[in-house]
């Protein structure tokens, strides 16, 4: 299926316009084969309360998602304002994505970044093709929040903090 270009738009322009919308940042991580696999995602959103579902968008070209999607449980950590470096590491194509940060592992091998603003223990519910991405629906099995933590915000291709 080919996608018709929108008149007057190009991928760089779309990226700049999309970056004007501030988002939170999440880490998706697990140990599906006994070693940690993880990625950062800023396209996270709540979907449904009944059943409890969240979504994230993953590029079809991702080399991490195929290794992560086979996990029985996937940890979703909502990054706090001190996690900019962790987000950069998880977004990197090469290198150690987990070094220098503390992670907690559930019995089901989901991984959660310590000191996250919130965390959700999820399983893969459904993947929906959407252009050059997949919309990934995740079923929430457990979750919690740190009411004291401030979120990490991604805006105009940079990390920000909320003003008091």
C-alpha atoms as a PDB file:
ATOM      1  CA  UNK A   1       0.000   0.000   0.000  1.00  0.00           C
ATOM      2  CA  UNK A   2       1.505   3.328  -0.982  1.00  0.00           C
ATOM      3  CA  UNK A   3       0.838   6.486   0.935  1.00  0.00           C
ATOM      4  CA  UNK A   4      -0.001   9.570  -1.077  1.00  0.00           C
ATOM      5  CA  UNK A   5       2.025  12.594   0.012  1.00  0.00           C
ATOM      6  CA  UNK A   6       0.114  15.528   1.370  1.00  0.00           C
ATOM      7  CA  UNK A   7       0.653  18.569  -0.808  1.00  0.00           C
ATOM      8  CA  UNK A   8       3.234  20.874   0.765  1.00  0.00           C
ATOM      9  CA  UNK A   9       4.470  18.421   3.387  1.00  0.00           C
ATOM     10  CA  UNK A  10       7.618  16.389   3.725  1.00  0.00           C
ATOM     11  CA  UNK A  11       8.846  14.133   6.549  1.00  0.00           C
ATOM     12  CA  UNK A  12      11.080  16.854   8.037  1.00  0.00           C
ATOM     13  CA  UNK A  13       8.243  19.357   8.075  1.00  0.00           C
ATOM     14  CA  UNK A  14       5.851  16.811   9.575  1.00  0.00           C
ATOM     15  CA  UNK A  15       8.395  15.990  12.292  1.00  0.00           C
ATOM     16  CA  UNK A  16       8.792  19.699  13.161  1.00  0.00           C
ATOM     17  CA  UNK A  17       5.039  20.252  13.341  1.00  0.00           C
ATOM     18  CA  UNK A  18       4.435  17.057  15.356  1.00  0.00           C
ATOM     19  CA  UNK A  19       7.188  18.126  17.786  1.00  0.00           C
ATOM     20  CA  UNK A  20       5.166  21.229  18.713  1.00  0.00           C
ATOM     21  CA  UNK A  21       2.898  18.925  20.731  1.00  0.00           C
ATOM     22  CA  UNK A  22       4.488  18.244  24.145  1.00  0.00           C
ATOM     23  CA  UNK A  23       4.363  14.639  25.335  1.00  0.00           C
ATOM     24  CA  UNK A  24       5.519  12.564  28.242  1.00  0.00           C
ATOM     25  CA  UNK A  25       8.223   9.957  27.749  1.00  0.00           C
ATOM     26  CA  UNK A  26       7.973   6.283  28.594  1.00  0.00           C
ATOM     27  CA  UNK A  27      10.379   3.365  28.757  1.00  0.00           C
ATOM     28  CA  UNK A  28       9.136  -0.019  27.538  1.00  0.00           C
ATOM     29  CA  UNK A  29      11.339  -2.811  28.862  1.00  0.00           C
ATOM     30  CA  UNK A  30      11.450  -6.518  29.651  1.00  0.00           C
ATOM     31  CA  UNK A  31      13.732  -9.549  29.790  1.00  0.00           C
ATOM     32  CA  UNK A  32      12.036 -11.883  27.286  1.00  0.00           C
ATOM     33  CA  UNK A  33      15.076 -14.121  26.692  1.00  0.00           C
ATOM     34  CA  UNK A  34      16.932 -13.488  29.955  1.00  0.00           C
ATOM     35  CA  UNK A  35      18.602 -10.264  28.835  1.00  0.00           C
ATOM     36  CA  UNK A  36      17.170  -6.722  29.007  1.00  0.00           C
ATOM     37  CA  UNK A  37      15.455  -5.229  25.970  1.00  0.00           C
ATOM     38  CA  UNK A  38      14.044  -1.724  26.035  1.00  0.00           C
ATOM     39  CA  UNK A  39      13.093   1.370  24.120  1.00  0.00           C
ATOM     40  CA  UNK A  40      11.849   4.903  24.743  1.00  0.00           C
ATOM     41  CA  UNK A  41       8.481   6.040  23.428  1.00  0.00           C
ATOM     42  CA  UNK A  42       6.809   9.439  23.563  1.00  0.00           C
ATOM     43  CA  UNK A  43       3.637   8.326  21.775  1.00  0.00           C
ATOM     44  CA  UNK A  44       2.115   6.725  24.897  1.00  0.00           C
ATOM     45  CA  UNK A  45      -1.536   7.352  25.761  1.00  0.00           C
ATOM     46  CA  UNK A  46      -4.389   5.872  27.763  1.00  0.00           C
ATOM     47  CA  UNK A  47      -7.019   4.074  25.677  1.00  0.00           C
ATOM     48  CA  UNK A  48      -9.624   2.330  27.843  1.00  0.00           C
ATOM     49  CA  UNK A  49     -10.598   1.843  31.482  1.00  0.00           C
ATOM     50  CA  UNK A  50     -12.594  -1.356  30.838  1.00  0.00           C
ATOM     51  CA  UNK A  51     -10.641  -3.293  29.838  1.00  0.00           C
ATOM     52  CA  UNK A  52      -7.587  -1.326  31.019  1.00  0.00           C
ATOM     53  CA  UNK A  53      -5.614  -0.522  27.846  1.00  0.00           C
ATOM     54  CA  UNK A  54      -2.843   1.885  26.875  1.00  0.00           C
ATOM     55  CA  UNK A  55      -1.179   2.402  23.514  1.00  0.00           C
ATOM     56  CA  UNK A  56       2.184   3.305  22.098  1.00  0.00           C
ATOM     57  CA  UNK A  57       3.272   3.784  18.487  1.00  0.00           C
ATOM     58  CA  UNK A  58       6.345   1.894  17.285  1.00  0.00           C
ATOM     59  CA  UNK A  59       8.146   2.417  13.968  1.00  0.00           C
ATOM     60  CA  UNK A  60       7.924  -0.559  11.615  1.00  0.00           C
ATOM     61  CA  UNK A  61      11.691  -0.242  11.185  1.00  0.00           C
ATOM     62  CA  UNK A  62      12.365  -0.722  14.916  1.00  0.00           C
ATOM     63  CA  UNK A  63      14.907  -3.455  15.596  1.00  0.00           C
ATOM     64  CA  UNK A  64      14.007  -3.425  19.299  1.00  0.00           C
ATOM     65  CA  UNK A  65      10.258  -3.993  19.085  1.00  0.00           C
ATOM     66  CA  UNK A  66      10.471  -7.510  17.556  1.00  0.00           C
ATOM     67  CA  UNK A  67      12.658  -8.598  20.508  1.00  0.00           C
ATOM     68  CA  UNK A  68      10.394  -6.878  23.061  1.00  0.00           C
ATOM     69  CA  UNK A  69       7.006  -7.921  21.677  1.00  0.00           C
ATOM     70  CA  UNK A  70       7.603 -11.603  22.516  1.00  0.00           C
ATOM     71  CA  UNK A  71       7.817 -10.857  26.258  1.00  0.00           C
ATOM     72  CA  UNK A  72       4.922 -12.194  28.336  1.00  0.00           C
ATOM     73  CA  UNK A  73       4.924  -8.876  30.231  1.00  0.00           C
ATOM     74  CA  UNK A  74       6.288  -5.478  29.260  1.00  0.00           C
ATOM     75  CA  UNK A  75       7.111  -2.850  31.843  1.00  0.00           C
ATOM     76  CA  UNK A  76       6.042   0.688  30.981  1.00  0.00           C
ATOM     77  CA  UNK A  77       7.764   3.357  33.075  1.00  0.00           C
ATOM     78  CA  UNK A  78       6.533   6.946  32.822  1.00  0.00           C
ATOM     79  CA  UNK A  79       9.826   8.800  33.050  1.00  0.00           C
ATOM     80  CA  UNK A  80      10.336  11.478  35.667  1.00  0.00           C
ATOM     81  CA  UNK A  81      12.181  14.752  35.109  1.00  0.00           C
ATOM     82  CA  UNK A  82      15.494  13.179  36.177  1.00  0.00           C
ATOM     83  CA  UNK A  83      15.398  10.532  33.443  1.00  0.00           C
ATOM     84  CA  UNK A  84      16.487  12.495  30.355  1.00  0.00           C
ATOM     85  CA  UNK A  85      19.743  10.515  30.081  1.00  0.00           C
ATOM     86  CA  UNK A  86      17.903   7.199  30.464  1.00  0.00           C
ATOM     87  CA  UNK A  87      15.582   8.243  27.641  1.00  0.00           C
ATOM     88  CA  UNK A  88      18.547   9.125  25.414  1.00  0.00           C
ATOM     89  CA  UNK A  89      20.168   5.754  26.142  1.00  0.00           C
ATOM     90  CA  UNK A  90      16.966   3.846  25.414  1.00  0.00           C
ATOM     91  CA  UNK A  91      16.605   5.743  22.134  1.00  0.00           C
ATOM     92  CA  UNK A  92      20.166   5.032  20.987  1.00  0.00           C
ATOM     93  CA  UNK A  93      20.708   2.631  18.084  1.00  0.00           C
ATOM     94  CA  UNK A  94      23.904   1.246  19.662  1.00  0.00           C
ATOM     95  CA  UNK A  95      25.459   0.866  23.115  1.00  0.00           C
ATOM     96  CA  UNK A  96      24.254  -0.143  26.550  1.00  0.00           C
ATOM     97  CA  UNK A  97      20.669   1.015  26.961  1.00  0.00           C
ATOM     98  CA  UNK A  98      20.475   0.008  30.623  1.00  0.00           C
ATOM     99  CA  UNK A  99      23.833   1.013  32.148  1.00  0.00           C
ATOM    100  CA  UNK A 100      24.007   3.649  34.849  1.00  0.00           C
ATOM    101  CA  UNK A 101      20.345   3.360  35.832  1.00  0.00           C
ATOM    102  CA  UNK A 102      18.548   1.263  38.412  1.00  0.00           C
ATOM    103  CA  UNK A 103      15.878  -1.141  37.146  1.00  0.00           C
ATOM    104  CA  UNK A 104      13.399  -3.343  38.985  1.00  0.00           C
ATOM    105  CA  UNK A 105      12.295  -6.689  37.525  1.00  0.00           C
ATOM    106  CA  UNK A 106       8.887  -8.269  38.140  1.00  0.00           C
ATOM    107  CA  UNK A 107       8.368 -12.007  38.518  1.00  0.00           C
ATOM    108  CA  UNK A 108       7.103 -11.996  34.904  1.00  0.00           C
ATOM    109  CA  UNK A 109      10.355 -10.340  33.707  1.00  0.00           C
ATOM    110  CA  UNK A 110       8.891  -6.896  33.037  1.00  0.00           C
ATOM    111  CA  UNK A 111      11.460  -4.172  33.755  1.00  0.00           C
ATOM    112  CA  UNK A 112      10.698  -0.843  35.431  1.00  0.00           C
ATOM    113  CA  UNK A 113      12.994   2.154  35.778  1.00  0.00           C
ATOM    114  CA  UNK A 114      13.451   3.095  39.434  1.00  0.00           C
ATOM    115  CA  UNK A 115      12.115   6.517  40.451  1.00  0.00           C
ATOM    116  CA  UNK A 116       9.667   6.621  37.534  1.00  0.00           C
ATOM    117  CA  UNK A 117       6.659   8.927  37.857  1.00  0.00           C
ATOM    118  CA  UNK A 118       4.413   5.898  37.269  1.00  0.00           C
ATOM    119  CA  UNK A 119       4.691   2.315  36.096  1.00  0.00           C
ATOM    120  CA  UNK A 120       2.383  -0.139  34.365  1.00  0.00           C
ATOM    121  CA  UNK A 121       2.823  -3.907  34.069  1.00  0.00           C
ATOM    122  CA  UNK A 122       1.392  -4.799  30.651  1.00  0.00           C
ATOM    123  CA  UNK A 123       0.992  -7.532  28.063  1.00  0.00           C
ATOM    124  CA  UNK A 124       0.642  -7.196  24.307  1.00  0.00           C
ATOM    125  CA  UNK A 125      -3.054  -7.036  23.373  1.00  0.00           C
ATOM    126  CA  UNK A 126      -2.971  -6.087  19.689  1.00  0.00           C
ATOM    127  CA  UNK A 127      -0.844  -4.477  16.968  1.00  0.00           C
ATOM    128  CA  UNK A 128      -2.511  -2.365  14.310  1.00  0.00           C
ATOM    129  CA  UNK A 129      -0.587  -1.344  11.160  1.00  0.00           C
ATOM    130  CA  UNK A 130      -0.696   2.435  10.711  1.00  0.00           C
ATOM    131  CA  UNK A 131       1.456   3.898   7.945  1.00  0.00           C
ATOM    132  CA  UNK A 132       5.134   3.549   8.819  1.00  0.00           C
ATOM    133  CA  UNK A 133       4.284   2.579  12.431  1.00  0.00           C
ATOM    134  CA  UNK A 134       2.332   0.020  14.425  1.00  0.00           C
ATOM    135  CA  UNK A 135      -0.190   1.146  17.011  1.00  0.00           C
ATOM    136  CA  UNK A 136       0.502  -1.231  19.886  1.00  0.00           C
ATOM    137  CA  UNK A 137      -2.292  -1.832  22.386  1.00  0.00           C
ATOM    138  CA  UNK A 138      -1.131  -3.041  25.785  1.00  0.00           C
ATOM    139  CA  UNK A 139      -3.368  -4.542  28.471  1.00  0.00           C
ATOM    140  CA  UNK A 140      -2.598  -3.213  31.963  1.00  0.00           C
ATOM    141  CA  UNK A 141      -2.330  -5.867  34.701  1.00  0.00           C
ATOM    142  CA  UNK A 142      -0.871  -3.769  37.514  1.00  0.00           C
ATOM    143  CA  UNK A 143       0.210  -0.156  37.994  1.00  0.00           C
ATOM    144  CA  UNK A 144       1.236   2.475  40.488  1.00  0.00           C
ATOM    145  CA  UNK A 145       2.271   6.116  40.702  1.00  0.00           C
ATOM    146  CA  UNK A 146       4.800   8.196  42.609  1.00  0.00           C
ATOM    147  CA  UNK A 147       2.720  11.250  43.552  1.00  0.00           C
ATOM    148  CA  UNK A 148       5.877  13.246  44.323  1.00  0.00           C
ATOM    149  CA  UNK A 149       7.582  12.710  40.934  1.00  0.00           C
ATOM    150  CA  UNK A 150       7.437  15.298  38.183  1.00  0.00           C
ATOM    151  CA  UNK A 151       7.210  14.031  34.589  1.00  0.00           C
ATOM    152  CA  UNK A 152       9.817  14.287  31.868  1.00  0.00           C
ATOM    153  CA  UNK A 153       8.350  16.247  28.942  1.00  0.00           C
ATOM    154  CA  UNK A 154       9.470  15.998  25.316  1.00  0.00           C
ATOM    155  CA  UNK A 155       8.821  19.129  23.243  1.00  0.00           C
ATOM    156  CA  UNK A 156      10.395  20.448  20.031  1.00  0.00           C
ATOM    157  CA  UNK A 157      12.908  17.591  19.997  1.00  0.00           C
ATOM    158  CA  UNK A 158      14.182  18.374  23.496  1.00  0.00           C
ATOM    159  CA  UNK A 159      13.524  17.404  27.101  1.00  0.00           C
ATOM    160  CA  UNK A 160      11.703  19.880  29.339  1.00  0.00           C
ATOM    161  CA  UNK A 161      10.403  20.130  32.874  1.00  0.00           C
ATOM    162  CA  UNK A 162       7.053  21.482  33.911  1.00  0.00           C
ATOM    163  CA  UNK A 163       7.174  24.875  35.592  1.00  0.00           C
ATOM    164  CA  UNK A 164       5.809  25.072  39.143  1.00  0.00           C
END
